[in-house]
Amino acid sequence: MPARKPQYFRVIYFDQDKLTCNVSQIISDDTAVTNRTCELQKAGRNVNVSTTDPQLDKKNVPSIESLLEKLPFGYRHDSDLSW
């Protein structure tokens, strides 16, 4: 059985308490981010993440700039936001 090809995507971080968001570099595994998000939520933080559609080719992953152009209304970019 051939090895599964990695899929690449970006994580978008959202902090609803501060109305801020940020976009990650291209990654292929969001397990640590998802686990940390759950920990923060259990601690009372109003945070969540979403991901771009997974791609087999890194060149097809949307750019950070293109994603930041589509911020939800009222949100601002915070380059230090990540976990």
N, C-alpha and C. Protein backbone atom coordinates (compact mmCIF):
# COMPACT_ATOMS: atom_id res chain seq x y z
N MET A 1 0.85 -1.18 0.00
CA MET A 1 0.00 0.00 0.00
C MET A 1 0.89 1.24 0.00
N PRO A 2 0.72 2.14 -0.97
CA PRO A 2 1.58 3.32 -1.04
C PRO A 2 1.31 4.27 0.13
N ALA A 3 2.36 4.98 0.51
CA ALA A 3 2.23 5.96 1.59
C ALA A 3 1.30 7.09 1.15
N ARG A 4 0.56 7.59 2.10
CA ARG A 4 -0.37 8.69 1.82
C ARG A 4 0.42 9.97 1.57
N LYS A 5 0.05 10.69 0.53
CA LYS A 5 0.73 11.95 0.23
C LYS A 5 0.27 13.01 1.22
N PRO A 6 1.21 13.84 1.70
CA PRO A 6 0.80 14.90 2.63
C PRO A 6 -0.07 15.94 1.92
N GLN A 7 -0.95 16.52 2.69
CA GLN A 7 -1.76 17.62 2.17
C GLN A 7 -1.39 18.87 2.95
N TYR A 8 -1.36 19.99 2.25
CA TYR A 8 -0.87 21.23 2.81
C TYR A 8 -2.00 22.24 2.94
N PHE A 9 -1.93 23.06 3.98
CA PHE A 9 -2.98 24.05 4.23
C PHE A 9 -2.45 25.11 5.20
N ARG A 10 -3.26 26.11 5.46
CA ARG A 10 -2.94 27.13 6.46
C ARG A 10 -4.01 27.09 7.55
N VAL A 11 -3.62 27.46 8.75
CA VAL A 11 -4.55 27.61 9.87
C VAL A 11 -4.84 29.10 10.03
N ILE A 12 -6.10 29.42 10.25
CA ILE A 12 -6.49 30.79 10.56
C ILE A 12 -6.91 30.79 12.03
N TYR A 13 -6.21 31.59 12.83
CA TYR A 13 -6.48 31.72 14.26
C TYR A 13 -7.47 32.85 14.48
N PHE A 14 -8.46 32.63 15.35
CA PHE A 14 -9.43 33.67 15.70
C PHE A 14 -9.51 33.82 17.21
N ASP A 15 -9.43 35.05 17.67
CA ASP A 15 -9.65 35.37 19.08
C ASP A 15 -10.88 36.27 19.14
N GLN A 16 -12.02 35.69 19.52
CA GLN A 16 -13.27 36.45 19.54
C GLN A 16 -13.30 37.47 20.67
N ASP A 17 -12.54 37.25 21.73
CA ASP A 17 -12.50 38.21 22.82
C ASP A 17 -11.87 39.53 22.38
N LYS A 18 -10.84 39.45 21.57
CA LYS A 18 -10.11 40.64 21.13
C LYS A 18 -10.45 41.04 19.69
N LEU A 19 -11.25 40.22 19.01
CA LEU A 19 -11.59 40.43 17.59
C LEU A 19 -10.33 40.55 16.74
N THR A 20 -9.42 39.60 16.95
CA THR A 20 -8.19 39.55 16.17
C THR A 20 -8.06 38.19 15.49
N CYS A 21 -7.24 38.14 14.47
CA CYS A 21 -6.97 36.88 13.79
C CYS A 21 -5.59 36.92 13.16
N ASN A 22 -5.11 35.76 12.80
CA ASN A 22 -3.82 35.62 12.15
C ASN A 22 -3.85 34.36 11.29
N VAL A 23 -2.90 34.27 10.35
CA VAL A 23 -2.81 33.15 9.43
C VAL A 23 -1.44 32.50 9.58
N SER A 24 -1.42 31.18 9.63
CA SER A 24 -0.17 30.44 9.79
C SER A 24 0.59 30.32 8.47
N GLN A 25 1.79 29.84 8.61
CA GLN A 25 2.55 29.41 7.45
C GLN A 25 1.89 28.13 6.92
N ILE A 26 2.35 27.61 5.82
CA ILE A 26 1.82 26.36 5.28
C ILE A 26 2.26 25.20 6.17
N ILE A 27 1.28 24.36 6.55
CA ILE A 27 1.56 23.21 7.40
C ILE A 27 0.88 21.97 6.81
N SER A 28 1.19 20.82 7.36
CA SER A 28 0.53 19.58 6.91
C SER A 28 -0.09 18.80 8.06
N ASP A 29 0.03 19.33 9.28
CA ASP A 29 -0.55 18.66 10.44
C ASP A 29 -0.97 19.73 11.45
N ASP A 30 -2.24 19.77 11.78
CA ASP A 30 -2.73 20.79 12.72
C ASP A 30 -3.10 20.19 14.08
N THR A 31 -2.60 19.00 14.37
CA THR A 31 -2.95 18.34 15.62
C THR A 31 -2.59 19.19 16.84
N ALA A 32 -1.38 19.72 16.90
CA ALA A 32 -0.96 20.53 18.05
C ALA A 32 -1.81 21.79 18.18
N VAL A 33 -2.12 22.42 17.07
CA VAL A 33 -2.95 23.64 17.09
C VAL A 33 -4.35 23.31 17.59
N THR A 34 -4.92 22.23 17.10
CA THR A 34 -6.27 21.83 17.52
C THR A 34 -6.29 21.49 19.01
N ASN A 35 -5.31 20.75 19.48
CA ASN A 35 -5.25 20.40 20.90
C ASN A 35 -5.11 21.64 21.77
N ARG A 36 -4.26 22.58 21.35
CA ARG A 36 -4.07 23.81 22.13
C ARG A 36 -5.34 24.66 22.11
N THR A 37 -6.04 24.69 21.00
CA THR A 37 -7.30 25.42 20.93
C THR A 37 -8.29 24.88 21.94
N CYS A 38 -8.39 23.56 22.03
CA CYS A 38 -9.29 22.93 23.01
C CYS A 38 -8.89 23.30 24.44
N GLU A 39 -7.60 23.29 24.72
CA GLU A 39 -7.13 23.67 26.06
C GLU A 39 -7.52 25.11 26.39
N LEU A 40 -7.31 26.02 25.44
CA LEU A 40 -7.66 27.43 25.67
C LEU A 40 -9.15 27.60 25.87
N GLN A 41 -9.96 26.88 25.10
CA GLN A 41 -11.40 26.97 25.25
C GLN A 41 -11.85 26.45 26.62
N LYS A 42 -11.26 25.36 27.06
CA LYS A 42 -11.59 24.81 28.38
C LYS A 42 -11.21 25.78 29.49
N ALA A 43 -10.19 26.60 29.24
CA ALA A 43 -9.74 27.59 30.23
C ALA A 43 -10.58 28.87 30.17
N GLY A 44 -11.57 28.89 29.27
CA GLY A 44 -12.48 30.03 29.20
C GLY A 44 -12.22 31.03 28.10
N ARG A 45 -11.22 30.78 27.28
CA ARG A 45 -10.93 31.69 26.18
C ARG A 45 -11.92 31.48 25.05
N ASN A 46 -12.29 32.55 24.39
CA ASN A 46 -13.22 32.50 23.27
C ASN A 46 -12.39 32.54 21.98
N VAL A 47 -11.78 31.40 21.64
CA VAL A 47 -10.89 31.29 20.49
C VAL A 47 -11.31 30.10 19.64
N ASN A 48 -10.95 30.14 18.38
CA ASN A 48 -11.12 28.98 17.51
C ASN A 48 -10.19 29.09 16.32
N VAL A 49 -10.15 28.04 15.53
CA VAL A 49 -9.32 28.02 14.32
C VAL A 49 -10.14 27.45 13.17
N SER A 50 -9.70 27.77 11.99
CA SER A 50 -10.23 27.11 10.79
C SER A 50 -9.04 26.86 9.88
N THR A 51 -9.25 26.07 8.85
CA THR A 51 -8.16 25.78 7.91
C THR A 51 -8.62 26.04 6.49
N THR A 52 -7.65 26.28 5.64
CA THR A 52 -7.94 26.36 4.22
C THR A 52 -8.15 24.94 3.71
N ASP A 53 -8.67 24.80 2.52
CA ASP A 53 -8.85 23.47 1.94
C ASP A 53 -7.49 22.81 1.73
N PRO A 54 -7.34 21.55 2.13
CA PRO A 54 -6.06 20.86 1.94
C PRO A 54 -5.71 20.72 0.46
N GLN A 55 -4.43 20.87 0.16
CA GLN A 55 -3.94 20.79 -1.22
C GLN A 55 -2.77 19.81 -1.28
N LEU A 56 -2.65 19.08 -2.36
CA LEU A 56 -1.51 18.18 -2.55
C LEU A 56 -0.25 18.94 -2.94
N ASP A 57 -0.42 20.09 -3.55
CA ASP A 57 0.71 20.91 -3.99
C ASP A 57 0.72 22.21 -3.19
N LYS A 58 1.83 22.51 -2.54
CA LYS A 58 1.94 23.73 -1.73
C LYS A 58 1.63 24.99 -2.54
N LYS A 59 1.91 24.95 -3.82
CA LYS A 59 1.68 26.14 -4.66
C LYS A 59 0.20 26.51 -4.75
N ASN A 60 -0.68 25.58 -4.44
CA ASN A 60 -2.12 25.83 -4.53
C ASN A 60 -2.74 26.32 -3.22
N VAL A 61 -1.95 26.41 -2.17
CA VAL A 61 -2.45 26.91 -0.89
C VAL A 61 -2.57 28.43 -0.99
N PRO A 62 -3.68 29.02 -0.55
CA PRO A 62 -3.85 30.47 -0.65
C PRO A 62 -2.75 31.22 0.12
N SER A 63 -2.41 32.38 -0.37
CA SER A 63 -1.39 33.20 0.28
C SER A 63 -1.95 33.80 1.57
N ILE A 64 -1.05 34.15 2.47
CA ILE A 64 -1.46 34.83 3.69
C ILE A 64 -2.18 36.12 3.35
N GLU A 65 -1.64 36.86 2.41
CA GLU A 65 -2.22 38.15 2.03
C GLU A 65 -3.65 38.00 1.53
N SER A 66 -3.89 37.00 0.69
CA SER A 66 -5.24 36.81 0.15
C SER A 66 -6.23 36.46 1.25
N LEU A 67 -5.78 35.73 2.25
CA LEU A 67 -6.66 35.36 3.36
C LEU A 67 -6.91 36.56 4.28
N LEU A 68 -5.90 37.38 4.49
CA LEU A 68 -6.08 38.56 5.34
C LEU A 68 -7.00 39.59 4.70
N GLU A 69 -7.11 39.56 3.38
CA GLU A 69 -8.05 40.47 2.70
C GLU A 69 -9.50 40.10 3.00
N LYS A 70 -9.72 38.90 3.50
CA LYS A 70 -11.08 38.40 3.74
C LYS A 70 -11.39 38.27 5.23
N LEU A 71 -10.83 39.15 6.04
CA LEU A 71 -11.08 39.08 7.48
C LEU A 71 -12.57 39.26 7.76
N PRO A 72 -13.08 38.57 8.76
CA PRO A 72 -14.47 38.80 9.14
C PRO A 72 -14.67 40.25 9.57
N PHE A 73 -15.87 40.76 9.38
CA PHE A 73 -16.18 42.14 9.74
C PHE A 73 -15.83 42.40 11.20
N GLY A 74 -15.13 43.49 11.46
CA GLY A 74 -14.78 43.89 12.82
C GLY A 74 -13.48 43.30 13.34
N TYR A 75 -12.89 42.35 12.63
CA TYR A 75 -11.64 41.74 13.06
C TYR A 75 -10.46 42.51 12.50
N ARG A 76 -9.35 42.49 13.26
CA ARG A 76 -8.11 43.08 12.77
C ARG A 76 -7.01 42.03 12.85
N HIS A 77 -6.00 42.22 12.04
CA HIS A 77 -4.88 41.29 11.98
C HIS A 77 -3.97 41.51 13.18
N ASP A 78 -3.57 40.44 13.83
CA ASP A 78 -2.59 40.48 14.92
C ASP A 78 -1.51 39.46 14.58
N SER A 79 -0.36 39.96 14.13
CA SER A 79 0.71 39.06 13.67
C SER A 79 1.28 38.20 14.78
N ASP A 80 1.01 38.54 16.04
CA ASP A 80 1.52 37.75 17.16
C ASP A 80 0.53 36.67 17.63
N LEU A 81 -0.66 36.64 17.05
CA LEU A 81 -1.66 35.69 17.49
C LEU A 81 -1.38 34.30 16.93
N SER A 82 -1.09 33.37 17.81
CA SER A 82 -0.94 31.95 17.45
C SER A 82 -0.81 31.18 18.75
N TRP A 83 -0.94 29.88 18.66
CA TRP A 83 -0.76 29.02 19.83
C TRP A 83 -0.37 27.65 19.42
